[in-house]
Amino acid sequence: MLEGRHVRLRPVDPTADAEALYAESHPPAGDPGMWTYLFAGPYADAAALREALAADARSADPLVLTLVTLPDEHPAGIASYMRIKPEHGVIEIGGIWFGVSLRQSTAAAEAIYLLAANAFDALGYRRLEWKCDALNKASRRAAERFGFHFEGVFRRHMVIKGRNRDTAWYAITDDEWPAVRDGFEAWLAADNFDDAGRQRRRLGELIAAARG
């Protein structure tokens, strides 16, 4: 379990999570377009999502976590550690989706910070990876905002939902992490937000400043 001020990441619980996650990610409130670049989904109903979450709960790699907003403890998204290679000190975060209540929120960014900090500071990994469909502009913008370096595109890398996928690769290495961590922590600081919860300085700006 990883816990911040705005979000908690905990092992997926199919029984407790399915209804809320379905409502966050499917109409009428959710955006069906979010499933375009994901390996699975959308789902016919909450029961179908519950079955998928049950399979996720049995998996060690990927290790699937539910993003729970605080203080209401509402399941609102999913993230995973995957392609876990401790012998090489390499780990990836992926399978990430933010429900409608998490999108463009402080909690969403804090979730990425918690995953990265745990990988580098607690577990001692040397390299944290982020991969996405090269056509997924939103995911690519997010990777750059969160301090990942673009490393290139693996052409014709996969077939996903019957369609070719070129995969964009991003990473943060352990020597880069201290500056990225400083940028995240400056952004998450209470004094970076006004009384209405609006950021005073952007995350990408603060990470760039920490990198010098």
N, C-alpha and C. Protein backbone atom coordinates (compact mmCIF):
# COMPACT_ATOMS: atom_id res chain seq x y z
N MET A 1 0.84 -1.19 0.00
CA MET A 1 0.00 0.00 0.00
C MET A 1 0.88 1.24 0.00
N LEU A 2 0.56 2.19 -0.87
CA LEU A 2 1.27 3.46 -0.95
C LEU A 2 0.27 4.56 -0.68
N GLU A 3 0.61 5.47 0.23
CA GLU A 3 -0.36 6.48 0.62
C GLU A 3 0.23 7.87 0.61
N GLY A 4 -0.51 8.79 -0.03
CA GLY A 4 -0.14 10.19 -0.01
C GLY A 4 -1.22 11.01 0.68
N ARG A 5 -1.23 12.32 0.40
CA ARG A 5 -2.24 13.18 1.00
C ARG A 5 -3.56 13.11 0.24
N HIS A 6 -3.48 12.80 -1.06
CA HIS A 6 -4.66 12.86 -1.91
C HIS A 6 -5.12 11.50 -2.43
N VAL A 7 -4.24 10.51 -2.39
CA VAL A 7 -4.54 9.22 -3.00
C VAL A 7 -3.84 8.10 -2.24
N ARG A 8 -4.49 6.93 -2.25
CA ARG A 8 -3.89 5.70 -1.74
C ARG A 8 -3.87 4.70 -2.88
N LEU A 9 -2.77 3.97 -3.02
CA LEU A 9 -2.67 2.87 -3.97
C LEU A 9 -2.62 1.58 -3.16
N ARG A 10 -3.54 0.66 -3.46
CA ARG A 10 -3.60 -0.59 -2.71
C ARG A 10 -3.89 -1.73 -3.68
N PRO A 11 -3.66 -2.97 -3.28
CA PRO A 11 -3.98 -4.09 -4.17
C PRO A 11 -5.44 -4.06 -4.60
N VAL A 12 -5.67 -4.41 -5.85
CA VAL A 12 -7.03 -4.39 -6.38
C VAL A 12 -7.91 -5.36 -5.61
N ASP A 13 -9.15 -4.93 -5.35
CA ASP A 13 -10.14 -5.73 -4.64
C ASP A 13 -11.37 -5.83 -5.55
N PRO A 14 -11.52 -6.93 -6.29
CA PRO A 14 -12.60 -7.02 -7.29
C PRO A 14 -13.98 -6.75 -6.72
N THR A 15 -14.26 -7.29 -5.56
CA THR A 15 -15.60 -7.12 -4.99
C THR A 15 -15.86 -5.68 -4.59
N ALA A 16 -14.90 -5.04 -3.96
CA ALA A 16 -15.09 -3.68 -3.47
C ALA A 16 -14.96 -2.63 -4.56
N ASP A 17 -14.19 -2.94 -5.62
CA ASP A 17 -13.80 -1.90 -6.58
C ASP A 17 -14.63 -1.85 -7.85
N ALA A 18 -15.22 -2.96 -8.26
CA ALA A 18 -15.76 -3.07 -9.61
C ALA A 18 -16.83 -2.03 -9.92
N GLU A 19 -17.79 -1.86 -9.04
CA GLU A 19 -18.90 -0.94 -9.32
C GLU A 19 -18.39 0.49 -9.50
N ALA A 20 -17.57 0.94 -8.57
CA ALA A 20 -17.06 2.32 -8.65
C ALA A 20 -16.16 2.52 -9.86
N LEU A 21 -15.29 1.55 -10.13
CA LEU A 21 -14.39 1.68 -11.27
C LEU A 21 -15.16 1.66 -12.59
N TYR A 22 -16.20 0.86 -12.65
CA TYR A 22 -17.01 0.82 -13.87
C TYR A 22 -17.67 2.19 -14.09
N ALA A 23 -18.24 2.76 -13.04
CA ALA A 23 -18.90 4.06 -13.18
C ALA A 23 -17.90 5.15 -13.55
N GLU A 24 -16.66 5.05 -13.07
CA GLU A 24 -15.63 6.04 -13.37
C GLU A 24 -15.15 5.96 -14.82
N SER A 25 -15.34 4.82 -15.46
CA SER A 25 -14.67 4.58 -16.75
C SER A 25 -15.62 4.25 -17.90
N HIS A 26 -16.91 4.26 -17.65
CA HIS A 26 -17.89 3.95 -18.69
C HIS A 26 -19.02 4.97 -18.65
N PRO A 27 -19.73 5.16 -19.76
CA PRO A 27 -20.86 6.10 -19.76
C PRO A 27 -21.89 5.70 -18.71
N PRO A 28 -22.64 6.68 -18.17
CA PRO A 28 -22.73 8.06 -18.67
C PRO A 28 -21.65 9.00 -18.17
N ALA A 29 -20.98 8.70 -17.05
CA ALA A 29 -19.99 9.64 -16.52
C ALA A 29 -18.62 9.46 -17.17
N GLY A 30 -18.24 8.20 -17.41
CA GLY A 30 -16.90 7.92 -17.91
C GLY A 30 -16.75 8.15 -19.41
N ASP A 31 -15.51 8.23 -19.84
CA ASP A 31 -15.17 8.46 -21.25
C ASP A 31 -14.82 7.14 -21.91
N PRO A 32 -15.64 6.62 -22.82
CA PRO A 32 -15.32 5.35 -23.46
C PRO A 32 -14.05 5.40 -24.31
N GLY A 33 -13.65 6.60 -24.72
CA GLY A 33 -12.44 6.72 -25.53
C GLY A 33 -11.18 6.37 -24.78
N MET A 34 -11.24 6.35 -23.45
CA MET A 34 -10.03 6.03 -22.68
C MET A 34 -9.54 4.61 -22.91
N TRP A 35 -10.42 3.73 -23.41
CA TRP A 35 -10.05 2.34 -23.62
C TRP A 35 -9.34 2.10 -24.95
N THR A 36 -9.28 3.10 -25.81
CA THR A 36 -8.74 2.91 -27.16
C THR A 36 -7.34 2.30 -27.14
N TYR A 37 -6.48 2.79 -26.27
CA TYR A 37 -5.08 2.38 -26.29
C TYR A 37 -4.72 1.39 -25.17
N LEU A 38 -5.70 0.96 -24.40
CA LEU A 38 -5.45 -0.01 -23.34
C LEU A 38 -5.56 -1.43 -23.88
N PHE A 39 -4.93 -2.38 -23.19
CA PHE A 39 -4.91 -3.75 -23.67
C PHE A 39 -6.29 -4.40 -23.61
N ALA A 40 -7.11 -4.01 -22.65
CA ALA A 40 -8.43 -4.61 -22.48
C ALA A 40 -9.48 -3.51 -22.41
N GLY A 41 -10.76 -3.93 -22.25
CA GLY A 41 -11.85 -2.98 -22.11
C GLY A 41 -12.25 -2.37 -23.45
N PRO A 42 -13.39 -1.67 -23.48
CA PRO A 42 -14.32 -1.46 -22.38
C PRO A 42 -15.07 -2.75 -22.03
N TYR A 43 -15.86 -2.69 -20.96
CA TYR A 43 -16.55 -3.87 -20.45
C TYR A 43 -18.06 -3.69 -20.57
N ALA A 44 -18.74 -4.82 -20.76
CA ALA A 44 -20.19 -4.79 -20.97
C ALA A 44 -20.92 -4.26 -19.74
N ASP A 45 -20.41 -4.59 -18.56
CA ASP A 45 -21.05 -4.15 -17.32
C ASP A 45 -20.06 -4.32 -16.17
N ALA A 46 -20.49 -3.95 -14.98
CA ALA A 46 -19.60 -4.03 -13.82
C ALA A 46 -19.20 -5.46 -13.51
N ALA A 47 -20.09 -6.42 -13.80
CA ALA A 47 -19.76 -7.82 -13.54
C ALA A 47 -18.59 -8.28 -14.42
N ALA A 48 -18.58 -7.85 -15.67
CA ALA A 48 -17.49 -8.21 -16.57
C ALA A 48 -16.18 -7.58 -16.10
N LEU A 49 -16.24 -6.34 -15.65
CA LEU A 49 -15.04 -5.71 -15.11
C LEU A 49 -14.58 -6.43 -13.85
N ARG A 50 -15.52 -6.88 -13.03
CA ARG A 50 -15.16 -7.60 -11.80
C ARG A 50 -14.38 -8.88 -12.14
N GLU A 51 -14.78 -9.59 -13.18
CA GLU A 51 -14.07 -10.80 -13.59
C GLU A 51 -12.64 -10.46 -14.01
N ALA A 52 -12.49 -9.37 -14.75
CA ALA A 52 -11.15 -8.96 -15.17
C ALA A 52 -10.30 -8.57 -13.96
N LEU A 53 -10.89 -7.87 -13.01
CA LEU A 53 -10.16 -7.49 -11.81
C LEU A 53 -9.78 -8.71 -10.97
N ALA A 54 -10.63 -9.74 -11.00
CA ALA A 54 -10.30 -10.97 -10.27
C ALA A 54 -9.05 -11.62 -10.84
N ALA A 55 -8.93 -11.61 -12.17
CA ALA A 55 -7.71 -12.13 -12.79
C ALA A 55 -6.51 -11.26 -12.43
N ASP A 56 -6.71 -9.94 -12.42
CA ASP A 56 -5.64 -9.03 -12.03
C ASP A 56 -5.17 -9.30 -10.60
N ALA A 57 -6.11 -9.58 -9.72
CA ALA A 57 -5.78 -9.79 -8.31
C ALA A 57 -4.90 -11.02 -8.11
N ARG A 58 -4.97 -11.97 -9.04
CA ARG A 58 -4.16 -13.19 -8.94
C ARG A 58 -2.77 -13.02 -9.55
N SER A 59 -2.53 -11.90 -10.20
CA SER A 59 -1.29 -11.71 -10.93
C SER A 59 -0.23 -11.04 -10.07
N ALA A 60 1.02 -11.51 -10.19
CA ALA A 60 2.15 -10.86 -9.53
C ALA A 60 2.87 -9.91 -10.47
N ASP A 61 2.79 -10.15 -11.77
CA ASP A 61 3.39 -9.29 -12.79
C ASP A 61 2.54 -9.39 -14.06
N PRO A 62 1.71 -8.38 -14.31
CA PRO A 62 1.64 -7.10 -13.61
C PRO A 62 1.03 -7.19 -12.22
N LEU A 63 1.50 -6.31 -11.37
CA LEU A 63 0.97 -6.15 -10.02
C LEU A 63 0.01 -4.96 -10.07
N VAL A 64 -1.28 -5.25 -10.01
CA VAL A 64 -2.31 -4.25 -10.28
C VAL A 64 -2.78 -3.60 -8.98
N LEU A 65 -2.85 -2.27 -8.99
CA LEU A 65 -3.22 -1.48 -7.82
C LEU A 65 -4.42 -0.60 -8.15
N THR A 66 -5.30 -0.45 -7.20
CA THR A 66 -6.42 0.48 -7.32
C THR A 66 -6.02 1.82 -6.74
N LEU A 67 -6.36 2.89 -7.45
CA LEU A 67 -6.13 4.25 -6.97
C LEU A 67 -7.39 4.70 -6.25
N VAL A 68 -7.25 4.99 -4.97
CA VAL A 68 -8.38 5.34 -4.12
C VAL A 68 -8.21 6.80 -3.68
N THR A 69 -9.16 7.66 -4.02
CA THR A 69 -9.03 9.06 -3.64
C THR A 69 -9.27 9.22 -2.14
N LEU A 70 -8.61 10.20 -1.58
CA LEU A 70 -8.72 10.51 -0.16
C LEU A 70 -9.29 11.91 0.03
N PRO A 71 -10.09 12.13 1.06
CA PRO A 71 -10.36 11.23 2.19
C PRO A 71 -11.56 10.30 2.01
N ASP A 72 -12.23 10.37 0.83
CA ASP A 72 -13.48 9.61 0.69
C ASP A 72 -13.27 8.13 0.41
N GLU A 73 -12.01 7.72 0.12
CA GLU A 73 -11.67 6.33 -0.16
C GLU A 73 -12.51 5.76 -1.31
N HIS A 74 -12.56 6.52 -2.38
CA HIS A 74 -13.36 6.15 -3.55
C HIS A 74 -12.45 5.55 -4.63
N PRO A 75 -12.68 4.29 -5.07
CA PRO A 75 -11.89 3.71 -6.15
C PRO A 75 -12.12 4.49 -7.45
N ALA A 76 -11.02 5.02 -8.03
CA ALA A 76 -11.19 5.92 -9.18
C ALA A 76 -10.21 5.67 -10.31
N GLY A 77 -9.36 4.65 -10.21
CA GLY A 77 -8.43 4.39 -11.30
C GLY A 77 -7.59 3.16 -11.00
N ILE A 78 -6.72 2.85 -11.97
CA ILE A 78 -5.88 1.65 -11.90
C ILE A 78 -4.47 2.02 -12.35
N ALA A 79 -3.47 1.42 -11.71
CA ALA A 79 -2.09 1.49 -12.17
C ALA A 79 -1.40 0.17 -11.82
N SER A 80 -0.33 -0.12 -12.53
CA SER A 80 0.35 -1.40 -12.31
C SER A 80 1.86 -1.23 -12.36
N TYR A 81 2.55 -2.03 -11.57
CA TYR A 81 3.95 -2.34 -11.83
C TYR A 81 3.96 -3.54 -12.77
N MET A 82 4.82 -3.50 -13.77
CA MET A 82 4.86 -4.61 -14.72
C MET A 82 6.28 -4.77 -15.29
N ARG A 83 6.47 -5.90 -15.97
CA ARG A 83 7.80 -6.24 -16.52
C ARG A 83 8.86 -5.98 -15.45
N ILE A 84 8.64 -6.61 -14.33
CA ILE A 84 9.44 -6.39 -13.13
C ILE A 84 10.71 -7.25 -13.22
N LYS A 85 11.87 -6.61 -13.31
CA LYS A 85 13.15 -7.31 -13.50
C LYS A 85 14.14 -6.88 -12.42
N PRO A 86 13.97 -7.40 -11.20
CA PRO A 86 14.88 -6.98 -10.13
C PRO A 86 16.34 -7.32 -10.42
N GLU A 87 16.56 -8.38 -11.20
CA GLU A 87 17.94 -8.76 -11.49
C GLU A 87 18.66 -7.69 -12.32
N HIS A 88 17.88 -6.88 -13.04
CA HIS A 88 18.45 -5.78 -13.83
C HIS A 88 18.14 -4.41 -13.22
N GLY A 89 17.35 -4.40 -12.16
CA GLY A 89 16.97 -3.13 -11.55
C GLY A 89 16.04 -2.32 -12.42
N VAL A 90 15.17 -2.99 -13.18
CA VAL A 90 14.27 -2.32 -14.12
C VAL A 90 12.83 -2.68 -13.79
N ILE A 91 11.97 -1.68 -13.78
CA ILE A 91 10.55 -1.89 -13.53
C ILE A 91 9.76 -0.87 -14.35
N GLU A 92 8.57 -1.24 -14.75
CA GLU A 92 7.73 -0.36 -15.57
C GLU A 92 6.43 -0.06 -14.82
N ILE A 93 5.91 1.15 -15.00
CA ILE A 93 4.55 1.43 -14.58
C ILE A 93 3.71 1.53 -15.84
N GLY A 94 2.55 0.87 -15.81
CA GLY A 94 1.71 0.85 -17.00
C GLY A 94 0.31 0.38 -16.66
N GLY A 95 -0.48 0.13 -17.70
CA GLY A 95 -1.88 -0.23 -17.50
C GLY A 95 -2.60 0.85 -16.72
N ILE A 96 -2.14 2.09 -16.89
CA ILE A 96 -2.66 3.19 -16.07
C ILE A 96 -3.91 3.78 -16.70
N TRP A 97 -4.95 3.91 -15.91
CA TRP A 97 -6.08 4.73 -16.35
C TRP A 97 -6.68 5.47 -15.17
N PHE A 98 -7.00 6.71 -15.44
CA PHE A 98 -7.61 7.59 -14.46
C PHE A 98 -9.08 7.75 -14.79
N GLY A 99 -9.95 7.44 -13.82
CA GLY A 99 -11.37 7.67 -14.01
C GLY A 99 -11.69 9.15 -14.08
N VAL A 100 -12.95 9.44 -14.36
CA VAL A 100 -13.35 10.82 -14.61
C VAL A 100 -13.03 11.73 -13.43
N SER A 101 -13.10 11.25 -12.20
CA SER A 101 -12.84 12.10 -11.05
C SER A 101 -11.36 12.29 -10.76
N LEU A 102 -10.50 11.49 -11.41
CA LEU A 102 -9.06 11.61 -11.20
C LEU A 102 -8.36 12.42 -12.28
N ARG A 103 -8.97 12.56 -13.43
CA ARG A 103 -8.28 13.17 -14.56
C ARG A 103 -7.84 14.59 -14.25
N GLN A 104 -6.59 14.87 -14.59
CA GLN A 104 -6.00 16.20 -14.40
C GLN A 104 -6.13 16.67 -12.95
N SER A 105 -5.98 15.74 -12.01
CA SER A 105 -6.12 16.06 -10.60
C SER A 105 -4.77 15.95 -9.90
N THR A 106 -4.67 16.59 -8.75
CA THR A 106 -3.48 16.46 -7.91
C THR A 106 -3.27 15.00 -7.51
N ALA A 107 -4.37 14.29 -7.23
CA ALA A 107 -4.27 12.89 -6.81
C ALA A 107 -3.64 12.03 -7.89
N ALA A 108 -3.97 12.29 -9.16
CA ALA A 108 -3.41 11.49 -10.26
C ALA A 108 -1.89 11.66 -10.32
N ALA A 109 -1.42 12.90 -10.26
CA ALA A 109 0.02 13.13 -10.30
C ALA A 109 0.70 12.56 -9.07
N GLU A 110 0.05 12.67 -7.91
CA GLU A 110 0.64 12.12 -6.69
C GLU A 110 0.77 10.60 -6.80
N ALA A 111 -0.17 9.95 -7.47
CA ALA A 111 -0.09 8.50 -7.63
C ALA A 111 1.18 8.11 -8.40
N ILE A 112 1.50 8.86 -9.46
CA ILE A 112 2.72 8.57 -10.22
C ILE A 112 3.95 8.81 -9.36
N TYR A 113 3.93 9.90 -8.59
CA TYR A 113 5.04 10.18 -7.68
C TYR A 113 5.24 9.03 -6.68
N LEU A 114 4.15 8.54 -6.10
CA LEU A 114 4.25 7.46 -5.12
C LEU A 114 4.82 6.18 -5.75
N LEU A 115 4.39 5.87 -6.96
CA LEU A 115 4.92 4.69 -7.65
C LEU A 115 6.41 4.84 -7.94
N ALA A 116 6.81 6.02 -8.40
CA ALA A 116 8.22 6.25 -8.72
C ALA A 116 9.07 6.25 -7.46
N ALA A 117 8.61 6.94 -6.43
CA ALA A 117 9.38 7.01 -5.18
C ALA A 117 9.55 5.62 -4.57
N ASN A 118 8.51 4.81 -4.61
CA ASN A 118 8.61 3.46 -4.08
C ASN A 118 9.62 2.63 -4.88
N ALA A 119 9.57 2.77 -6.21
CA ALA A 119 10.48 2.00 -7.06
C ALA A 119 11.94 2.35 -6.79
N PHE A 120 12.23 3.65 -6.74
CA PHE A 120 13.62 4.08 -6.57
C PHE A 120 14.07 4.08 -5.11
N ASP A 121 13.30 4.71 -4.24
CA ASP A 121 13.77 4.97 -2.87
C ASP A 121 13.57 3.78 -1.94
N ALA A 122 12.48 3.04 -2.12
CA ALA A 122 12.22 1.91 -1.23
C ALA A 122 12.77 0.59 -1.79
N LEU A 123 12.59 0.38 -3.10
CA LEU A 123 12.96 -0.90 -3.69
C LEU A 123 14.32 -0.90 -4.37
N GLY A 124 14.88 0.28 -4.62
CA GLY A 124 16.24 0.35 -5.15
C GLY A 124 16.39 0.07 -6.63
N TYR A 125 15.35 0.29 -7.41
CA TYR A 125 15.46 0.07 -8.85
C TYR A 125 16.30 1.15 -9.51
N ARG A 126 16.92 0.80 -10.64
CA ARG A 126 17.82 1.69 -11.37
C ARG A 126 17.12 2.42 -12.51
N ARG A 127 15.98 1.88 -12.95
CA ARG A 127 15.34 2.40 -14.15
C ARG A 127 13.83 2.16 -14.04
N LEU A 128 13.06 3.22 -14.27
CA LEU A 128 11.61 3.16 -14.26
C LEU A 128 11.12 3.49 -15.65
N GLU A 129 10.35 2.58 -16.25
CA GLU A 129 9.93 2.75 -17.64
C GLU A 129 8.46 3.12 -17.75
N TRP A 130 8.14 3.78 -18.85
CA TRP A 130 6.77 4.15 -19.23
C TRP A 130 6.68 3.90 -20.72
N LYS A 131 5.73 3.07 -21.13
CA LYS A 131 5.56 2.79 -22.56
C LYS A 131 4.10 3.01 -22.93
N CYS A 132 3.89 3.45 -24.16
CA CYS A 132 2.51 3.67 -24.61
C CYS A 132 2.47 3.61 -26.13
N ASP A 133 1.25 3.47 -26.65
CA ASP A 133 1.05 3.54 -28.09
C ASP A 133 1.57 4.89 -28.58
N ALA A 134 2.35 4.86 -29.65
CA ALA A 134 2.92 6.11 -30.17
C ALA A 134 1.84 7.10 -30.61
N LEU A 135 0.63 6.62 -30.87
CA LEU A 135 -0.48 7.50 -31.26
C LEU A 135 -1.17 8.13 -30.05
N ASN A 136 -0.86 7.65 -28.86
CA ASN A 136 -1.55 8.10 -27.66
C ASN A 136 -0.91 9.41 -27.17
N LYS A 137 -1.39 10.52 -27.72
CA LYS A 137 -0.79 11.81 -27.41
C LYS A 137 -0.94 12.18 -25.94
N ALA A 138 -2.08 11.81 -25.34
CA ALA A 138 -2.30 12.15 -23.93
C ALA A 138 -1.29 11.44 -23.04
N SER A 139 -1.03 10.16 -23.29
CA SER A 139 -0.08 9.41 -22.48
C SER A 139 1.34 9.94 -22.69
N ARG A 140 1.66 10.32 -23.90
CA ARG A 140 3.00 10.85 -24.18
C ARG A 140 3.21 12.19 -23.48
N ARG A 141 2.19 13.04 -23.51
CA ARG A 141 2.30 14.32 -22.79
C ARG A 141 2.45 14.08 -21.29
N ALA A 142 1.70 13.10 -20.77
CA ALA A 142 1.78 12.80 -19.34
C ALA A 142 3.18 12.33 -18.97
N ALA A 143 3.76 11.43 -19.76
CA ALA A 143 5.10 10.92 -19.48
C ALA A 143 6.11 12.06 -19.38
N GLU A 144 6.03 12.99 -20.32
CA GLU A 144 6.97 14.11 -20.32
C GLU A 144 6.71 15.04 -19.12
N ARG A 145 5.44 15.26 -18.81
CA ARG A 145 5.10 16.10 -17.65
C ARG A 145 5.62 15.49 -16.36
N PHE A 146 5.59 14.16 -16.28
CA PHE A 146 6.03 13.48 -15.07
C PHE A 146 7.54 13.27 -15.01
N GLY A 147 8.28 13.80 -15.97
CA GLY A 147 9.73 13.78 -15.91
C GLY A 147 10.41 12.63 -16.62
N PHE A 148 9.66 11.85 -17.40
CA PHE A 148 10.26 10.75 -18.16
C PHE A 148 10.92 11.28 -19.42
N HIS A 149 12.06 10.69 -19.77
CA HIS A 149 12.76 11.03 -21.01
C HIS A 149 12.27 10.14 -22.15
N PHE A 150 12.01 10.73 -23.30
CA PHE A 150 11.65 9.97 -24.50
C PHE A 150 12.89 9.30 -25.05
N GLU A 151 12.79 8.00 -25.32
CA GLU A 151 13.95 7.23 -25.79
C GLU A 151 13.79 6.69 -27.22
N GLY A 152 12.60 6.79 -27.79
CA GLY A 152 12.43 6.33 -29.16
C GLY A 152 11.15 5.55 -29.35
N VAL A 153 10.92 5.10 -30.58
CA VAL A 153 9.71 4.35 -30.94
C VAL A 153 10.11 2.99 -31.47
N PHE A 154 9.52 1.94 -30.89
CA PHE A 154 9.67 0.58 -31.41
C PHE A 154 8.56 0.38 -32.43
N ARG A 155 8.94 0.32 -33.70
CA ARG A 155 7.96 0.24 -34.77
C ARG A 155 7.37 -1.16 -34.88
N ARG A 156 6.06 -1.22 -35.14
CA ARG A 156 5.34 -2.48 -35.31
C ARG A 156 5.67 -3.43 -34.15
N HIS A 157 5.57 -2.89 -32.95
CA HIS A 157 6.00 -3.60 -31.75
C HIS A 157 4.99 -4.63 -31.27
N MET A 158 3.69 -4.32 -31.41
CA MET A 158 2.64 -5.19 -30.91
C MET A 158 1.42 -5.13 -31.82
N VAL A 159 0.52 -6.10 -31.62
CA VAL A 159 -0.82 -6.03 -32.20
C VAL A 159 -1.79 -5.97 -31.03
N ILE A 160 -2.51 -4.86 -30.92
CA ILE A 160 -3.44 -4.63 -29.82
C ILE A 160 -4.83 -4.42 -30.39
N LYS A 161 -5.77 -5.26 -29.98
CA LYS A 161 -7.15 -5.16 -30.45
C LYS A 161 -7.22 -5.15 -31.98
N GLY A 162 -6.38 -6.01 -32.58
CA GLY A 162 -6.39 -6.19 -34.02
C GLY A 162 -5.70 -5.09 -34.80
N ARG A 163 -4.96 -4.21 -34.12
CA ARG A 163 -4.34 -3.07 -34.78
C ARG A 163 -2.86 -3.02 -34.44
N ASN A 164 -2.04 -2.65 -35.44
CA ASN A 164 -0.62 -2.47 -35.19
C ASN A 164 -0.39 -1.40 -34.14
N ARG A 165 0.58 -1.66 -33.26
CA ARG A 165 0.99 -0.64 -32.31
C ARG A 165 2.48 -0.38 -32.42
N ASP A 166 2.83 0.86 -32.74
CA ASP A 166 4.19 1.36 -32.56
C ASP A 166 4.26 1.87 -31.12
N THR A 167 5.29 1.47 -30.40
CA THR A 167 5.37 1.79 -28.97
C THR A 167 6.41 2.85 -28.69
N ALA A 168 5.98 3.94 -28.04
CA ALA A 168 6.90 4.99 -27.59
C ALA A 168 7.45 4.61 -26.22
N TRP A 169 8.77 4.70 -26.07
CA TRP A 169 9.45 4.33 -24.83
C TRP A 169 9.93 5.58 -24.10
N TYR A 170 9.70 5.59 -22.79
CA TYR A 170 10.16 6.67 -21.92
C TYR A 170 10.77 6.03 -20.67
N ALA A 171 11.65 6.75 -20.00
CA ALA A 171 12.24 6.21 -18.77
C ALA A 171 12.79 7.33 -17.90
N ILE A 172 12.87 7.04 -16.61
CA ILE A 172 13.64 7.81 -15.64
C ILE A 172 14.67 6.85 -15.06
N THR A 173 15.91 7.28 -14.96
CA THR A 173 16.95 6.45 -14.36
C THR A 173 17.27 6.96 -12.96
N ASP A 174 17.97 6.12 -12.20
CA ASP A 174 18.20 6.45 -10.80
C ASP A 174 19.02 7.73 -10.61
N ASP A 175 19.91 8.04 -11.56
CA ASP A 175 20.68 9.27 -11.44
C ASP A 175 19.84 10.50 -11.77
N GLU A 176 18.75 10.33 -12.51
CA GLU A 176 17.83 11.43 -12.82
C GLU A 176 16.76 11.62 -11.74
N TRP A 177 16.49 10.56 -11.00
CA TRP A 177 15.37 10.59 -10.08
C TRP A 177 15.45 11.68 -9.01
N PRO A 178 16.60 11.96 -8.38
CA PRO A 178 16.59 13.00 -7.34
C PRO A 178 16.02 14.33 -7.81
N ALA A 179 16.36 14.77 -9.01
CA ALA A 179 15.82 16.04 -9.52
C ALA A 179 14.33 15.91 -9.81
N VAL A 180 13.90 14.78 -10.38
CA VAL A 180 12.48 14.58 -10.65
C VAL A 180 11.71 14.54 -9.33
N ARG A 181 12.26 13.87 -8.33
CA ARG A 181 11.63 13.81 -7.02
C ARG A 181 11.49 15.21 -6.42
N ASP A 182 12.54 16.01 -6.53
CA ASP A 182 12.48 17.37 -5.98
C ASP A 182 11.38 18.19 -6.68
N GLY A 183 11.27 18.02 -8.00
CA GLY A 183 10.23 18.74 -8.72
C GLY A 183 8.84 18.31 -8.30
N PHE A 184 8.63 17.01 -8.16
CA PHE A 184 7.34 16.50 -7.69
C PHE A 184 7.01 17.03 -6.30
N GLU A 185 7.98 16.98 -5.40
CA GLU A 185 7.70 17.38 -4.03
C GLU A 185 7.44 18.88 -3.91
N ALA A 186 8.12 19.68 -4.75
CA ALA A 186 7.83 21.11 -4.78
C ALA A 186 6.43 21.36 -5.31
N TRP A 187 6.04 20.58 -6.31
CA TRP A 187 4.70 20.76 -6.89
C TRP A 187 3.61 20.33 -5.92
N LEU A 188 3.83 19.23 -5.21
CA LEU A 188 2.83 18.71 -4.28
C LEU A 188 2.74 19.50 -2.98
N ALA A 189 3.70 20.36 -2.71
CA ALA A 189 3.70 21.14 -1.47
C ALA A 189 2.42 21.98 -1.36
N ALA A 190 1.89 22.11 -0.17
CA ALA A 190 0.63 22.83 0.04
C ALA A 190 0.71 24.26 -0.46
N ASP A 191 1.87 24.91 -0.32
CA ASP A 191 1.97 26.31 -0.73
C ASP A 191 2.05 26.51 -2.23
N ASN A 192 2.07 25.40 -3.00
CA ASN A 192 2.01 25.53 -4.46
C ASN A 192 0.58 25.63 -4.97
N PHE A 193 -0.40 25.57 -4.08
CA PHE A 193 -1.80 25.64 -4.47
C PHE A 193 -2.49 26.77 -3.73
N ASP A 194 -3.35 27.49 -4.47
CA ASP A 194 -4.07 28.57 -3.83
C ASP A 194 -5.29 28.04 -3.08
N ASP A 195 -6.08 28.93 -2.52
CA ASP A 195 -7.22 28.51 -1.70
C ASP A 195 -8.27 27.74 -2.50
N ALA A 196 -8.29 27.94 -3.82
CA ALA A 196 -9.23 27.23 -4.69
C ALA A 196 -8.66 25.93 -5.22
N GLY A 197 -7.43 25.58 -4.80
CA GLY A 197 -6.81 24.34 -5.25
C GLY A 197 -6.10 24.45 -6.58
N ARG A 198 -5.93 25.67 -7.11
CA ARG A 198 -5.25 25.85 -8.39
C ARG A 198 -3.74 25.91 -8.18
N GLN A 199 -2.99 25.24 -9.06
CA GLN A 199 -1.54 25.22 -8.94
C GLN A 199 -0.95 26.60 -9.22
N ARG A 200 0.10 26.94 -8.50
CA ARG A 200 0.80 28.20 -8.74
C ARG A 200 1.89 28.01 -9.80
N ARG A 201 2.60 26.88 -9.72
CA ARG A 201 3.62 26.55 -10.73
C ARG A 201 3.34 25.15 -11.25
N ARG A 202 3.64 24.92 -12.51
CA ARG A 202 3.35 23.64 -13.15
C ARG A 202 4.40 22.61 -12.78
N LEU A 203 3.95 21.35 -12.80
CA LEU A 203 4.85 20.25 -12.46
C LEU A 203 6.04 20.19 -13.42
N GLY A 204 5.76 20.24 -14.72
CA GLY A 204 6.86 20.18 -15.68
C GLY A 204 7.87 21.28 -15.49
N GLU A 205 7.39 22.48 -15.14
CA GLU A 205 8.27 23.63 -14.89
C GLU A 205 9.17 23.36 -13.69
N LEU A 206 8.60 22.80 -12.62
CA LEU A 206 9.36 22.56 -11.40
C LEU A 206 10.38 21.43 -11.58
N ILE A 207 10.01 20.41 -12.35
CA ILE A 207 10.98 19.34 -12.62
C ILE A 207 12.13 19.88 -13.46
N ALA A 208 11.81 20.69 -14.48
CA ALA A 208 12.84 21.28 -15.32
C ALA A 208 13.77 22.16 -14.49
N ALA A 209 13.20 22.94 -13.56
CA ALA A 209 14.03 23.80 -12.71
C ALA A 209 14.93 22.98 -11.81
N ALA A 210 14.41 21.87 -11.28
CA ALA A 210 15.23 21.02 -10.42
C ALA A 210 16.36 20.36 -11.19
N ARG A 211 16.12 20.10 -12.46
CA ARG A 211 17.17 19.52 -13.30
C ARG A 211 18.23 20.54 -13.71
N GLY A 212 17.89 21.81 -13.56
CA GLY A 212 18.83 22.86 -13.91
C GLY A 212 18.93 23.09 -15.41
